[in-house]
Amino acid sequence: MINQPIVVWAEIPVKSLEAGAAFYDAVFGYTSQVDRSGPAPMVLLNGAGDTVGANLCEGETATGNIIHFAVPDTCEDAANRVTQAGGKVLTDPITIPPGRFVMALDPDGNQIGLFQPHEAA
């Protein structure tokens, strides 16, 4: 595994992307933009999509913040460990530009992401 931070991404559920962006921009001095171009509208806080960062996601059914953790091997291996340890895997691996991730629940119902970075070329 490459030298990688343990926490690689965070998702903060909000009822309104515009109101959420205004709050975080005011508190931290960010300049964030609402992006409704894809299937999952979001706000990349301070536009930081190419580094460790966070986004706001919109929805009434949000259960809380989601933290994405780097895994030492593959998404599939990590997903197997989640199941063996009493958690629940929610998705198949999802590919994004920096790597792949799987969504899961820990035994207490906290949603987490399991992130596998692409290998450096």
PDB file of N, CA and C in Angstrom:
ATOM      1  N   MET A   1       0.842  -1.190   0.000  1.00  0.00           N
ATOM      2  CA  MET A   1       0.000   0.000   0.000  1.00  0.00           C
ATOM      3  C   MET A   1       0.882   1.247   0.000  1.00  0.00           C
ATOM      4  N   ILE A   2       0.485   2.235  -0.744  1.00  0.00           N
ATOM      5  CA  ILE A   2       1.230   3.491  -0.770  1.00  0.00           C
ATOM      6  C   ILE A   2       1.007   4.233   0.543  1.00  0.00           C
ATOM      7  N   ASN A   3       1.870   5.193   0.823  1.00  0.00           N
ATOM      8  CA  ASN A   3       1.707   6.005   2.024  1.00  0.00           C
ATOM      9  C   ASN A   3       0.439   6.831   1.860  1.00  0.00           C
ATOM     10  N   GLN A   4      -0.581   6.507   2.604  1.00  0.00           N
ATOM     11  CA  GLN A   4      -1.917   7.074   2.415  1.00  0.00           C
ATOM     12  C   GLN A   4      -2.500   7.457   3.767  1.00  0.00           C
ATOM     13  N   PRO A   5      -3.158   8.598   3.877  1.00  0.00           N
ATOM     14  CA  PRO A   5      -3.849   8.902   5.129  1.00  0.00           C
ATOM     15  C   PRO A   5      -4.919   7.839   5.408  1.00  0.00           C
ATOM     16  N   ILE A   6      -5.246   7.647   6.678  1.00  0.00           N
ATOM     17  CA  ILE A   6      -6.285   6.680   7.029  1.00  0.00           C
ATOM     18  C   ILE A   6      -7.644   7.171   6.533  1.00  0.00           C
ATOM     19  N   VAL A   7      -7.986   8.409   6.833  1.00  0.00           N
ATOM     20  CA  VAL A   7      -9.243   8.985   6.359  1.00  0.00           C
ATOM     21  C   VAL A   7      -8.958   9.675   5.042  1.00  0.00           C
ATOM     22  N   VAL A   8      -9.692   9.288   3.987  1.00  0.00           N
ATOM     23  CA  VAL A   8      -9.436   9.837   2.657  1.00  0.00           C
ATOM     24  C   VAL A   8     -10.565  10.716   2.128  1.00  0.00           C
ATOM     25  N   TRP A   9     -11.728  10.674   2.758  1.00  0.00           N
ATOM     26  CA  TRP A   9     -12.847  11.475   2.274  1.00  0.00           C
ATOM     27  C   TRP A   9     -13.924  11.504   3.344  1.00  0.00           C
ATOM     28  N   ALA A  10     -14.753  12.519   3.348  1.00  0.00           N
ATOM     29  CA  ALA A  10     -15.895  12.602   4.257  1.00  0.00           C
ATOM     30  C   ALA A  10     -17.097  13.115   3.484  1.00  0.00           C
ATOM     31  N   GLU A  11     -18.266  12.655   3.854  1.00  0.00           N
ATOM     32  CA  GLU A  11     -19.521  13.125   3.263  1.00  0.00           C
ATOM     33  C   GLU A  11     -20.421  13.621   4.379  1.00  0.00           C
ATOM     34  N   ILE A  12     -20.945  14.813   4.201  1.00  0.00           N
ATOM     35  CA  ILE A  12     -21.803  15.428   5.209  1.00  0.00           C
ATOM     36  C   ILE A  12     -23.190  15.601   4.601  1.00  0.00           C
ATOM     37  N   PRO A  13     -24.203  14.891   5.110  1.00  0.00           N
ATOM     38  CA  PRO A  13     -25.540  15.028   4.555  1.00  0.00           C
ATOM     39  C   PRO A  13     -26.191  16.342   4.998  1.00  0.00           C
ATOM     40  N   VAL A  14     -26.830  17.004   4.045  1.00  0.00           N
ATOM     41  CA  VAL A  14     -27.535  18.261   4.315  1.00  0.00           C
ATOM     42  C   VAL A  14     -28.895  18.228   3.614  1.00  0.00           C
ATOM     43  N   LYS A  15     -29.837  19.017   4.110  1.00  0.00           N
ATOM     44  CA  LYS A  15     -31.154  19.079   3.482  1.00  0.00           C
ATOM     45  C   LYS A  15     -31.135  19.932   2.218  1.00  0.00           C
ATOM     46  N   SER A  16     -30.261  20.941   2.179  1.00  0.00           N
ATOM     47  CA  SER A  16     -30.144  21.826   1.022  1.00  0.00           C
ATOM     48  C   SER A  16     -28.670  22.046   0.712  1.00  0.00           C
ATOM     49  N   LEU A  17     -28.263  21.718  -0.510  1.00  0.00           N
ATOM     50  CA  LEU A  17     -26.868  21.932  -0.892  1.00  0.00           C
ATOM     51  C   LEU A  17     -26.491  23.406  -0.825  1.00  0.00           C
ATOM     52  N   GLU A  18     -27.382  24.258  -1.302  1.00  0.00           N
ATOM     53  CA  GLU A  18     -27.092  25.691  -1.317  1.00  0.00           C
ATOM     54  C   GLU A  18     -26.906  26.228   0.106  1.00  0.00           C
ATOM     55  N   ALA A  19     -27.808  25.865   1.015  1.00  0.00           N
ATOM     56  CA  ALA A  19     -27.708  26.332   2.397  1.00  0.00           C
ATOM     57  C   ALA A  19     -26.488  25.729   3.089  1.00  0.00           C
ATOM     58  N   GLY A  20     -26.212  24.452   2.829  1.00  0.00           N
ATOM     59  CA  GLY A  20     -25.042  23.814   3.421  1.00  0.00           C
ATOM     60  C   GLY A  20     -23.756  24.452   2.948  1.00  0.00           C
ATOM     61  N   ALA A  21     -23.664  24.711   1.643  1.00  0.00           N
ATOM     62  CA  ALA A  21     -22.469  25.354   1.092  1.00  0.00           C
ATOM     63  C   ALA A  21     -22.287  26.740   1.702  1.00  0.00           C
ATOM     64  N   ALA A  22     -23.375  27.488   1.838  1.00  0.00           N
ATOM     65  CA  ALA A  22     -23.289  28.829   2.425  1.00  0.00           C
ATOM     66  C   ALA A  22     -22.756  28.760   3.859  1.00  0.00           C
ATOM     67  N   PHE A  23     -23.219  27.782   4.630  1.00  0.00           N
ATOM     68  CA  PHE A  23     -22.760  27.625   6.013  1.00  0.00           C
ATOM     69  C   PHE A  23     -21.267  27.324   6.068  1.00  0.00           C
ATOM     70  N   TYR A  24     -20.810  26.289   5.363  1.00  0.00           N
ATOM     71  CA  TYR A  24     -19.395  25.898   5.427  1.00  0.00           C
ATOM     72  C   TYR A  24     -18.489  26.966   4.821  1.00  0.00           C
ATOM     73  N   ASP A  25     -18.953  27.634   3.764  1.00  0.00           N
ATOM     74  CA  ASP A  25     -18.164  28.725   3.193  1.00  0.00           C
ATOM     75  C   ASP A  25     -18.001  29.856   4.213  1.00  0.00           C
ATOM     76  N   ALA A  26     -19.094  30.202   4.928  1.00  0.00           N
ATOM     77  CA  ALA A  26     -19.040  31.283   5.915  1.00  0.00           C
ATOM     78  C   ALA A  26     -18.143  30.922   7.094  1.00  0.00           C
ATOM     79  N   VAL A  27     -18.228  29.688   7.563  1.00  0.00           N
ATOM     80  CA  VAL A  27     -17.456  29.277   8.739  1.00  0.00           C
ATOM     81  C   VAL A  27     -15.968  29.137   8.432  1.00  0.00           C
ATOM     82  N   PHE A  28     -15.629  28.544   7.285  1.00  0.00           N
ATOM     83  CA  PHE A  28     -14.232  28.226   6.989  1.00  0.00           C
ATOM     84  C   PHE A  28     -13.601  29.094   5.912  1.00  0.00           C
ATOM     85  N   GLY A  29     -14.352  30.015   5.312  1.00  0.00           N
ATOM     86  CA  GLY A  29     -13.804  30.866   4.267  1.00  0.00           C
ATOM     87  C   GLY A  29     -13.637  30.153   2.939  1.00  0.00           C
ATOM     88  N   TYR A  30     -14.390  29.066   2.740  1.00  0.00           N
ATOM     89  CA  TYR A  30     -14.322  28.315   1.492  1.00  0.00           C
ATOM     90  C   TYR A  30     -15.038  29.065   0.378  1.00  0.00           C
ATOM     91  N   THR A  31     -14.786  28.631  -0.849  1.00  0.00           N
ATOM     92  CA  THR A  31     -15.538  29.061  -2.019  1.00  0.00           C
ATOM     93  C   THR A  31     -15.996  27.784  -2.704  1.00  0.00           C
ATOM     94  N   SER A  32     -17.187  27.331  -2.370  1.00  0.00           N
ATOM     95  CA  SER A  32     -17.705  26.058  -2.861  1.00  0.00           C
ATOM     96  C   SER A  32     -18.784  26.293  -3.905  1.00  0.00           C
ATOM     97  N   GLN A  33     -18.927  25.350  -4.803  1.00  0.00           N
ATOM     98  CA  GLN A  33     -19.925  25.434  -5.858  1.00  0.00           C
ATOM     99  C   GLN A  33     -20.847  24.220  -5.803  1.00  0.00           C
ATOM    100  N   VAL A  34     -22.140  24.445  -5.960  1.00  0.00           N
ATOM    101  CA  VAL A  34     -23.101  23.353  -6.064  1.00  0.00           C
ATOM    102  C   VAL A  34     -22.959  22.728  -7.445  1.00  0.00           C
ATOM    103  N   ASP A  35     -22.869  21.406  -7.489  1.00  0.00           N
ATOM    104  CA  ASP A  35     -22.751  20.685  -8.758  1.00  0.00           C
ATOM    105  C   ASP A  35     -23.918  19.716  -8.883  1.00  0.00           C
ATOM    106  N   ARG A  36     -24.848  20.027  -9.748  1.00  0.00           N
ATOM    107  CA  ARG A  36     -26.008  19.170  -9.996  1.00  0.00           C
ATOM    108  C   ARG A  36     -25.917  18.487 -11.363  1.00  0.00           C
ATOM    109  N   SER A  37     -24.700  18.393 -11.916  1.00  0.00           N
ATOM    110  CA  SER A  37     -24.529  17.856 -13.258  1.00  0.00           C
ATOM    111  C   SER A  37     -24.586  16.333 -13.322  1.00  0.00           C
ATOM    112  N   GLY A  38     -24.305  15.662 -12.239  1.00  0.00           N
ATOM    113  CA  GLY A  38     -24.260  14.201 -12.256  1.00  0.00           C
ATOM    114  C   GLY A  38     -25.455  13.576 -11.570  1.00  0.00           C
ATOM    115  N   PRO A  39     -25.430  12.264 -11.440  1.00  0.00           N
ATOM    116  CA  PRO A  39     -26.557  11.556 -10.826  1.00  0.00           C
ATOM    117  C   PRO A  39     -26.675  11.792  -9.329  1.00  0.00           C
ATOM    118  N   ALA A  40     -25.598  12.237  -8.689  1.00  0.00           N
ATOM    119  CA  ALA A  40     -25.620  12.520  -7.253  1.00  0.00           C
ATOM    120  C   ALA A  40     -25.176  13.964  -7.032  1.00  0.00           C
ATOM    121  N   PRO A  41     -26.120  14.911  -7.002  1.00  0.00           N
ATOM    122  CA  PRO A  41     -25.748  16.312  -6.784  1.00  0.00           C
ATOM    123  C   PRO A  41     -24.933  16.459  -5.507  1.00  0.00           C
ATOM    124  N   MET A  42     -23.934  17.358  -5.549  1.00  0.00           N
ATOM    125  CA  MET A  42     -23.061  17.515  -4.393  1.00  0.00           C
ATOM    126  C   MET A  42     -22.388  18.869  -4.409  1.00  0.00           C
ATOM    127  N   VAL A  43     -21.729  19.163  -3.312  1.00  0.00           N
ATOM    128  CA  VAL A  43     -20.851  20.315  -3.188  1.00  0.00           C
ATOM    129  C   VAL A  43     -19.502  19.779  -2.738  1.00  0.00           C
ATOM    130  N   LEU A  44     -18.468  19.988  -3.542  1.00  0.00           N
ATOM    131  CA  LEU A  44     -17.104  19.695  -3.088  1.00  0.00           C
ATOM    132  C   LEU A  44     -16.675  20.883  -2.253  1.00  0.00           C
ATOM    133  N   LEU A  45     -16.475  20.677  -0.963  1.00  0.00           N
ATOM    134  CA  LEU A  45     -16.103  21.797  -0.104  1.00  0.00           C
ATOM    135  C   LEU A  45     -14.816  22.428  -0.596  1.00  0.00           C
ATOM    136  N   ASN A  46     -14.872  23.698  -0.860  1.00  0.00           N
ATOM    137  CA  ASN A  46     -13.764  24.499  -1.372  1.00  0.00           C
ATOM    138  C   ASN A  46     -13.252  23.996  -2.718  1.00  0.00           C
ATOM    139  N   GLY A  47     -14.066  23.203  -3.439  1.00  0.00           N
ATOM    140  CA  GLY A  47     -13.683  22.693  -4.749  1.00  0.00           C
ATOM    141  C   GLY A  47     -12.596  21.644  -4.700  1.00  0.00           C
ATOM    142  N   ALA A  48     -12.330  21.060  -3.530  1.00  0.00           N
ATOM    143  CA  ALA A  48     -11.195  20.152  -3.346  1.00  0.00           C
ATOM    144  C   ALA A  48     -11.563  18.725  -3.726  1.00  0.00           C
ATOM    145  N   GLY A  49     -11.593  18.436  -5.025  1.00  0.00           N
ATOM    146  CA  GLY A  49     -11.890  17.092  -5.485  1.00  0.00           C
ATOM    147  C   GLY A  49     -10.660  16.270  -5.803  1.00  0.00           C
ATOM    148  N   ASP A  50      -9.483  16.884  -5.746  1.00  0.00           N
ATOM    149  CA  ASP A  50      -8.260  16.182  -6.125  1.00  0.00           C
ATOM    150  C   ASP A  50      -7.342  15.906  -4.937  1.00  0.00           C
ATOM    151  N   THR A  51      -7.893  15.992  -3.735  1.00  0.00           N
ATOM    152  CA  THR A  51      -7.100  15.792  -2.531  1.00  0.00           C
ATOM    153  C   THR A  51      -7.997  15.240  -1.437  1.00  0.00           C
ATOM    154  N   VAL A  52      -7.443  14.953  -0.288  1.00  0.00           N
ATOM    155  CA  VAL A  52      -8.287  14.559   0.840  1.00  0.00           C
ATOM    156  C   VAL A  52      -9.232  15.719   1.109  1.00  0.00           C
ATOM    157  N   GLY A  53     -10.511  15.448   1.168  1.00  0.00           N
ATOM    158  CA  GLY A  53     -11.481  16.507   1.346  1.00  0.00           C
ATOM    159  C   GLY A  53     -12.816  15.967   1.784  1.00  0.00           C
ATOM    160  N   ALA A  54     -13.856  16.734   1.482  1.00  0.00           N
ATOM    161  CA  ALA A  54     -15.205  16.350   1.876  1.00  0.00           C
ATOM    162  C   ALA A  54     -16.203  16.966   0.920  1.00  0.00           C
ATOM    163  N   ASN A  55     -17.369  16.351   0.869  1.00  0.00           N
ATOM    164  CA  ASN A  55     -18.440  16.937   0.082  1.00  0.00           C
ATOM    165  C   ASN A  55     -19.728  16.936   0.891  1.00  0.00           C
ATOM    166  N   LEU A  56     -20.643  17.778   0.469  1.00  0.00           N
ATOM    167  CA  LEU A  56     -21.986  17.793   1.027  1.00  0.00           C
ATOM    168  C   LEU A  56     -22.857  16.975   0.085  1.00  0.00           C
ATOM    169  N   CYS A  57     -23.720  16.124   0.638  1.00  0.00           N
ATOM    170  CA  CYS A  57     -24.662  15.360  -0.173  1.00  0.00           C
ATOM    171  C   CYS A  57     -26.065  15.674   0.334  1.00  0.00           C
ATOM    172  N   GLU A  58     -27.001  15.744  -0.580  1.00  0.00           N
ATOM    173  CA  GLU A  58     -28.348  16.208  -0.268  1.00  0.00           C
ATOM    174  C   GLU A  58     -29.295  15.042  -0.067  1.00  0.00           C
ATOM    175  N   GLY A  59     -30.154  15.146   0.940  1.00  0.00           N
ATOM    176  CA  GLY A  59     -31.159  14.115   1.126  1.00  0.00           C
ATOM    177  C   GLY A  59     -31.832  14.174   2.478  1.00  0.00           C
ATOM    178  N   GLU A  60     -33.095  13.831   2.496  1.00  0.00           N
ATOM    179  CA  GLU A  60     -33.870  13.802   3.728  1.00  0.00           C
ATOM    180  C   GLU A  60     -33.627  12.535   4.532  1.00  0.00           C
ATOM    181  N   THR A  61     -33.093  11.492   3.896  1.00  0.00           N
ATOM    182  CA  THR A  61     -32.949  10.204   4.574  1.00  0.00           C
ATOM    183  C   THR A  61     -31.537   9.978   5.088  1.00  0.00           C
ATOM    184  N   ALA A  62     -30.743  11.019   5.150  1.00  0.00           N
ATOM    185  CA  ALA A  62     -29.354  10.868   5.596  1.00  0.00           C
ATOM    186  C   ALA A  62     -29.308  10.346   7.029  1.00  0.00           C
ATOM    187  N   THR A  63     -28.338   9.478   7.287  1.00  0.00           N
ATOM    188  CA  THR A  63     -28.192   8.889   8.619  1.00  0.00           C
ATOM    189  C   THR A  63     -27.018   9.474   9.381  1.00  0.00           C
ATOM    190  N   GLY A  64     -26.266  10.347   8.793  1.00  0.00           N
ATOM    191  CA  GLY A  64     -25.120  10.938   9.472  1.00  0.00           C
ATOM    192  C   GLY A  64     -23.932  11.042   8.548  1.00  0.00           C
ATOM    193  N   ASN A  65     -22.853  11.575   9.089  1.00  0.00           N
ATOM    194  CA  ASN A  65     -21.640  11.736   8.297  1.00  0.00           C
ATOM    195  C   ASN A  65     -21.091  10.379   7.874  1.00  0.00           C
ATOM    196  N   ILE A  66     -20.451  10.354   6.719  1.00  0.00           N
ATOM    197  CA  ILE A  66     -19.829   9.139   6.197  1.00  0.00           C
ATOM    198  C   ILE A  66     -18.340   9.406   6.060  1.00  0.00           C
ATOM    199  N   ILE A  67     -17.539   8.555   6.668  1.00  0.00           N
ATOM    200  CA  ILE A  67     -16.092   8.669   6.578  1.00  0.00           C
ATOM    201  C   ILE A  67     -15.587   7.552   5.661  1.00  0.00           C
ATOM    202  N   HIS A  68     -14.709   7.894   4.736  1.00  0.00           N
ATOM    203  CA  HIS A  68     -14.097   6.913   3.839  1.00  0.00           C
ATOM    204  C   HIS A  68     -12.675   6.640   4.330  1.00  0.00           C
ATOM    205  N   PHE A  69     -12.360   5.365   4.530  1.00  0.00           N
ATOM    206  CA  PHE A  69     -11.059   4.938   5.031  1.00  0.00           C
ATOM    207  C   PHE A  69     -10.268   4.247   3.922  1.00  0.00           C
ATOM    208  N   ALA A  70      -8.954   4.469   3.883  1.00  0.00           N
ATOM    209  CA  ALA A  70      -8.083   3.744   2.967  1.00  0.00           C
ATOM    210  C   ALA A  70      -7.962   2.300   3.445  1.00  0.00           C
ATOM    211  N   VAL A  71      -7.958   1.353   2.500  1.00  0.00           N
ATOM    212  CA  VAL A  71      -7.782  -0.066   2.841  1.00  0.00           C
ATOM    213  C   VAL A  71      -6.381  -0.505   2.416  1.00  0.00           C
ATOM    214  N   PRO A  72      -5.814  -1.509   3.097  1.00  0.00           N
ATOM    215  CA  PRO A  72      -4.446  -1.913   2.797  1.00  0.00           C
ATOM    216  C   PRO A  72      -4.310  -2.813   1.578  1.00  0.00           C
ATOM    217  N   ASP A  73      -5.451  -3.223   0.994  1.00  0.00           N
ATOM    218  CA  ASP A  73      -5.396  -4.145  -0.141  1.00  0.00           C
ATOM    219  C   ASP A  73      -6.484  -3.766  -1.142  1.00  0.00           C
ATOM    220  N   THR A  74      -7.443  -4.638  -1.382  1.00  0.00           N
ATOM    221  CA  THR A  74      -8.489  -4.342  -2.364  1.00  0.00           C
ATOM    222  C   THR A  74      -9.837  -4.107  -1.686  1.00  0.00           C
ATOM    223  N   CYS A  75     -10.730  -3.476  -2.430  1.00  0.00           N
ATOM    224  CA  CYS A  75     -12.099  -3.274  -1.942  1.00  0.00           C
ATOM    225  C   CYS A  75     -12.762  -4.613  -1.633  1.00  0.00           C
ATOM    226  N   GLU A  76     -12.536  -5.590  -2.491  1.00  0.00           N
ATOM    227  CA  GLU A  76     -13.148  -6.902  -2.299  1.00  0.00           C
ATOM    228  C   GLU A  76     -12.663  -7.560  -1.009  1.00  0.00           C
ATOM    229  N   ASP A  77     -11.347  -7.493  -0.755  1.00  0.00           N
ATOM    230  CA  ASP A  77     -10.800  -8.062   0.473  1.00  0.00           C
ATOM    231  C   ASP A  77     -11.377  -7.354   1.701  1.00  0.00           C
ATOM    232  N   ALA A  78     -11.436  -6.023   1.637  1.00  0.00           N
ATOM    233  CA  ALA A  78     -11.982  -5.259   2.759  1.00  0.00           C
ATOM    234  C   ALA A  78     -13.461  -5.572   2.966  1.00  0.00           C
ATOM    235  N   ALA A  79     -14.211  -5.711   1.879  1.00  0.00           N
ATOM    236  CA  ALA A  79     -15.635  -6.046   1.981  1.00  0.00           C
ATOM    237  C   ALA A  79     -15.822  -7.407   2.651  1.00  0.00           C
ATOM    238  N   ASN A  80     -14.967  -8.365   2.310  1.00  0.00           N
ATOM    239  CA  ASN A  80     -15.036  -9.682   2.965  1.00  0.00           C
ATOM    240  C   ASN A  80     -14.785  -9.560   4.462  1.00  0.00           C
ATOM    241  N   ARG A  81     -13.830  -8.726   4.850  1.00  0.00           N
ATOM    242  CA  ARG A  81     -13.543  -8.547   6.279  1.00  0.00           C
ATOM    243  C   ARG A  81     -14.702  -7.871   6.992  1.00  0.00           C
ATOM    244  N   VAL A  82     -15.375  -6.931   6.314  1.00  0.00           N
ATOM    245  CA  VAL A  82     -16.553  -6.287   6.908  1.00  0.00           C
ATOM    246  C   VAL A  82     -17.589  -7.338   7.269  1.00  0.00           C
ATOM    247  N   THR A  83     -17.902  -8.206   6.327  1.00  0.00           N
ATOM    248  CA  THR A  83     -18.904  -9.249   6.559  1.00  0.00           C
ATOM    249  C   THR A  83     -18.457 -10.191   7.675  1.00  0.00           C
ATOM    250  N   GLN A  84     -17.212 -10.626   7.649  1.00  0.00           N
ATOM    251  CA  GLN A  84     -16.687 -11.546   8.666  1.00  0.00           C
ATOM    252  C   GLN A  84     -16.698 -10.923  10.060  1.00  0.00           C
ATOM    253  N   ALA A  85     -16.558  -9.599  10.138  1.00  0.00           N
ATOM    254  CA  ALA A  85     -16.503  -8.914  11.425  1.00  0.00           C
ATOM    255  C   ALA A  85     -17.879  -8.467  11.920  1.00  0.00           C
ATOM    256  N   GLY A  86     -18.943  -8.820  11.188  1.00  0.00           N
ATOM    257  CA  GLY A  86     -20.293  -8.499  11.642  1.00  0.00           C
ATOM    258  C   GLY A  86     -20.921  -7.278  11.022  1.00  0.00           C
ATOM    259  N   GLY A  87     -20.271  -6.684  10.016  1.00  0.00           N
ATOM    260  CA  GLY A  87     -20.840  -5.545   9.313  1.00  0.00           C
ATOM    261  C   GLY A  87     -21.617  -5.993   8.089  1.00  0.00           C
ATOM    262  N   LYS A  88     -22.028  -5.022   7.286  1.00  0.00           N
ATOM    263  CA  LYS A  88     -22.818  -5.312   6.084  1.00  0.00           C
ATOM    264  C   LYS A  88     -22.272  -4.491   4.916  1.00  0.00           C
ATOM    265  N   VAL A  89     -22.032  -5.148   3.801  1.00  0.00           N
ATOM    266  CA  VAL A  89     -21.581  -4.475   2.588  1.00  0.00           C
ATOM    267  C   VAL A  89     -22.817  -3.970   1.838  1.00  0.00           C
ATOM    268  N   LEU A  90     -22.789  -2.696   1.430  1.00  0.00           N
ATOM    269  CA  LEU A  90     -23.942  -2.076   0.769  1.00  0.00           C
ATOM    270  C   LEU A  90     -23.825  -1.998  -0.744  1.00  0.00           C
ATOM    271  N   THR A  91     -22.594  -1.934  -1.275  1.00  0.00           N
ATOM    272  CA  THR A  91     -22.416  -1.754  -2.718  1.00  0.00           C
ATOM    273  C   THR A  91     -21.306  -2.642  -3.245  1.00  0.00           C
ATOM    274  N   ASP A  92     -21.345  -2.882  -4.531  1.00  0.00           N
ATOM    275  CA  ASP A  92     -20.198  -3.435  -5.231  1.00  0.00           C
ATOM    276  C   ASP A  92     -19.168  -2.308  -5.352  1.00  0.00           C
ATOM    277  N   PRO A  93     -17.914  -2.616  -5.713  1.00  0.00           N
ATOM    278  CA  PRO A  93     -16.929  -1.551  -5.891  1.00  0.00           C
ATOM    279  C   PRO A  93     -17.383  -0.526  -6.936  1.00  0.00           C
ATOM    280  N   ILE A  94     -17.160   0.729  -6.607  1.00  0.00           N
ATOM    281  CA  ILE A  94     -17.502   1.858  -7.473  1.00  0.00           C
ATOM    282  C   ILE A  94     -16.188   2.517  -7.870  1.00  0.00           C
ATOM    283  N   THR A  95     -15.965   2.687  -9.177  1.00  0.00           N
ATOM    284  CA  THR A  95     -14.723   3.284  -9.669  1.00  0.00           C
ATOM    285  C   THR A  95     -14.907   4.785  -9.844  1.00  0.00           C
ATOM    286  N   ILE A  96     -13.950   5.543  -9.329  1.00  0.00           N
ATOM    287  CA  ILE A  96     -13.885   6.998  -9.479  1.00  0.00           C
ATOM    288  C   ILE A  96     -12.463   7.331  -9.939  1.00  0.00           C
ATOM    289  N   PRO A  97     -12.206   8.552 -10.408  1.00  0.00           N
ATOM    290  CA  PRO A  97     -10.868   8.844 -10.931  1.00  0.00           C
ATOM    291  C   PRO A  97      -9.701   8.476 -10.005  1.00  0.00           C
ATOM    292  N   PRO A  98      -9.762   8.741  -8.681  1.00  0.00           N
ATOM    293  CA  PRO A  98      -8.592   8.397  -7.867  1.00  0.00           C
ATOM    294  C   PRO A  98      -8.497   6.934  -7.426  1.00  0.00           C
ATOM    295  N   GLY A  99      -9.543   6.134  -7.644  1.00  0.00           N
ATOM    296  CA  GLY A  99      -9.497   4.739  -7.203  1.00  0.00           C
ATOM    297  C   GLY A  99     -10.865   4.083  -7.232  1.00  0.00           C
ATOM    298  N   ARG A 100     -11.108   3.233  -6.229  1.00  0.00           N
ATOM    299  CA  ARG A 100     -12.381   2.507  -6.116  1.00  0.00           C
ATOM    300  C   ARG A 100     -12.804   2.522  -4.658  1.00  0.00           C
ATOM    301  N   PHE A 101     -14.119   2.400  -4.423  1.00  0.00           N
ATOM    302  CA  PHE A 101     -14.592   2.310  -3.050  1.00  0.00           C
ATOM    303  C   PHE A 101     -15.827   1.438  -2.962  1.00  0.00           C
ATOM    304  N   VAL A 102     -16.063   0.933  -1.753  1.00  0.00           N
ATOM    305  CA  VAL A 102     -17.228   0.125  -1.406  1.00  0.00           C
ATOM    306  C   VAL A 102     -17.886   0.807  -0.215  1.00  0.00           C
ATOM    307  N   MET A 103     -19.210   0.865  -0.205  1.00  0.00           N
ATOM    308  CA  MET A 103     -19.931   1.392   0.948  1.00  0.00           C
ATOM    309  C   MET A 103     -20.345   0.231   1.836  1.00  0.00           C
ATOM    310  N   ALA A 104     -20.277   0.446   3.149  1.00  0.00           N
ATOM    311  CA  ALA A 104     -20.590  -0.616   4.106  1.00  0.00           C
ATOM    312  C   ALA A 104     -21.173  -0.010   5.380  1.00  0.00           C
ATOM    313  N   LEU A 105     -21.712  -0.887   6.226  1.00  0.00           N
ATOM    314  CA  LEU A 105     -22.165  -0.502   7.563  1.00  0.00           C
ATOM    315  C   LEU A 105     -21.336  -1.250   8.586  1.00  0.00           C
ATOM    316  N   ASP A 106     -20.938  -0.562   9.651  1.00  0.00           N
ATOM    317  CA  ASP A 106     -20.293  -1.267  10.754  1.00  0.00           C
ATOM    318  C   ASP A 106     -21.389  -1.914  11.603  1.00  0.00           C
ATOM    319  N   PRO A 107     -21.041  -2.725  12.601  1.00  0.00           N
ATOM    320  CA  PRO A 107     -22.074  -3.405  13.390  1.00  0.00           C
ATOM    321  C   PRO A 107     -23.032  -2.465  14.115  1.00  0.00           C
ATOM    322  N   ASP A 108     -22.643  -1.191  14.313  1.00  0.00           N
ATOM    323  CA  ASP A 108     -23.522  -0.229  14.974  1.00  0.00           C
ATOM    324  C   ASP A 108     -24.369   0.573  13.993  1.00  0.00           C
ATOM    325  N   GLY A 109     -24.264   0.261  12.700  1.00  0.00           N
ATOM    326  CA  GLY A 109     -25.068   0.944  11.695  1.00  0.00           C
ATOM    327  C   GLY A 109     -24.444   2.198  11.122  1.00  0.00           C
ATOM    328  N   ASN A 110     -23.189   2.500  11.450  1.00  0.00           N
ATOM    329  CA  ASN A 110     -22.505   3.647  10.867  1.00  0.00           C
ATOM    330  C   ASN A 110     -22.080   3.316   9.447  1.00  0.00           C
ATOM    331  N   GLN A 111     -22.403   4.202   8.511  1.00  0.00           N
ATOM    332  CA  GLN A 111     -22.012   3.981   7.125  1.00  0.00           C
ATOM    333  C   GLN A 111     -20.571   4.435   6.938  1.00  0.00           C
ATOM    334  N   ILE A 112     -19.769   3.584   6.284  1.00  0.00           N
ATOM    335  CA  ILE A 112     -18.370   3.900   6.011  1.00  0.00           C
ATOM    336  C   ILE A 112     -18.049   3.572   4.556  1.00  0.00           C
ATOM    337  N   GLY A 113     -17.026   4.225   4.035  1.00  0.00           N
ATOM    338  CA  GLY A 113     -16.504   3.901   2.722  1.00  0.00           C
ATOM    339  C   GLY A 113     -15.161   3.221   2.886  1.00  0.00           C
ATOM    340  N   LEU A 114     -14.877   2.259   2.019  1.00  0.00           N
ATOM    341  CA  LEU A 114     -13.615   1.530   2.020  1.00  0.00           C
ATOM    342  C   LEU A 114     -12.919   1.853   0.705  1.00  0.00           C
ATOM    343  N   PHE A 115     -11.861   2.673   0.753  1.00  0.00           N
ATOM    344  CA  PHE A 115     -11.250   3.234  -0.450  1.00  0.00           C
ATOM    345  C   PHE A 115      -9.948   2.531  -0.813  1.00  0.00           C
ATOM    346  N   GLN A 116      -9.838   2.149  -2.080  1.00  0.00           N
ATOM    347  CA  GLN A 116      -8.635   1.530  -2.649  1.00  0.00           C
ATOM    348  C   GLN A 116      -8.118   2.491  -3.723  1.00  0.00           C
ATOM    349  N   PRO A 117      -6.951   3.137  -3.499  1.00  0.00           N
ATOM    350  CA  PRO A 117      -6.430   4.057  -4.521  1.00  0.00           C
ATOM    351  C   PRO A 117      -5.933   3.302  -5.734  1.00  0.00           C
ATOM    352  N   HIS A 118      -5.978   3.966  -6.901  1.00  0.00           N
ATOM    353  CA  HIS A 118      -5.359   3.383  -8.091  1.00  0.00           C
ATOM    354  C   HIS A 118      -3.860   3.288  -7.845  1.00  0.00           C
ATOM    355  N   GLU A 119      -3.231   2.288  -8.410  1.00  0.00           N
ATOM    356  CA  GLU A 119      -1.782   2.148  -8.299  1.00  0.00           C
ATOM    357  C   GLU A 119      -1.114   3.272  -9.066  1.00  0.00           C
ATOM    358  N   ALA A 120      -0.045   3.793  -8.516  1.00  0.00           N
ATOM    359  CA  ALA A 120       0.705   4.848  -9.185  1.00  0.00           C
ATOM    360  C   ALA A 120       1.343   4.260 -10.443  1.00  0.00           C
ATOM    361  N   ALA A 121       1.285   5.035 -11.524  1.00  0.00           N
ATOM    362  CA  ALA A 121       1.845   4.567 -12.797  1.00  0.00           C
ATOM    363  C   ALA A 121       3.341   4.689 -12.817  1.00  0.00           C
TER     364      ALA A 121
END
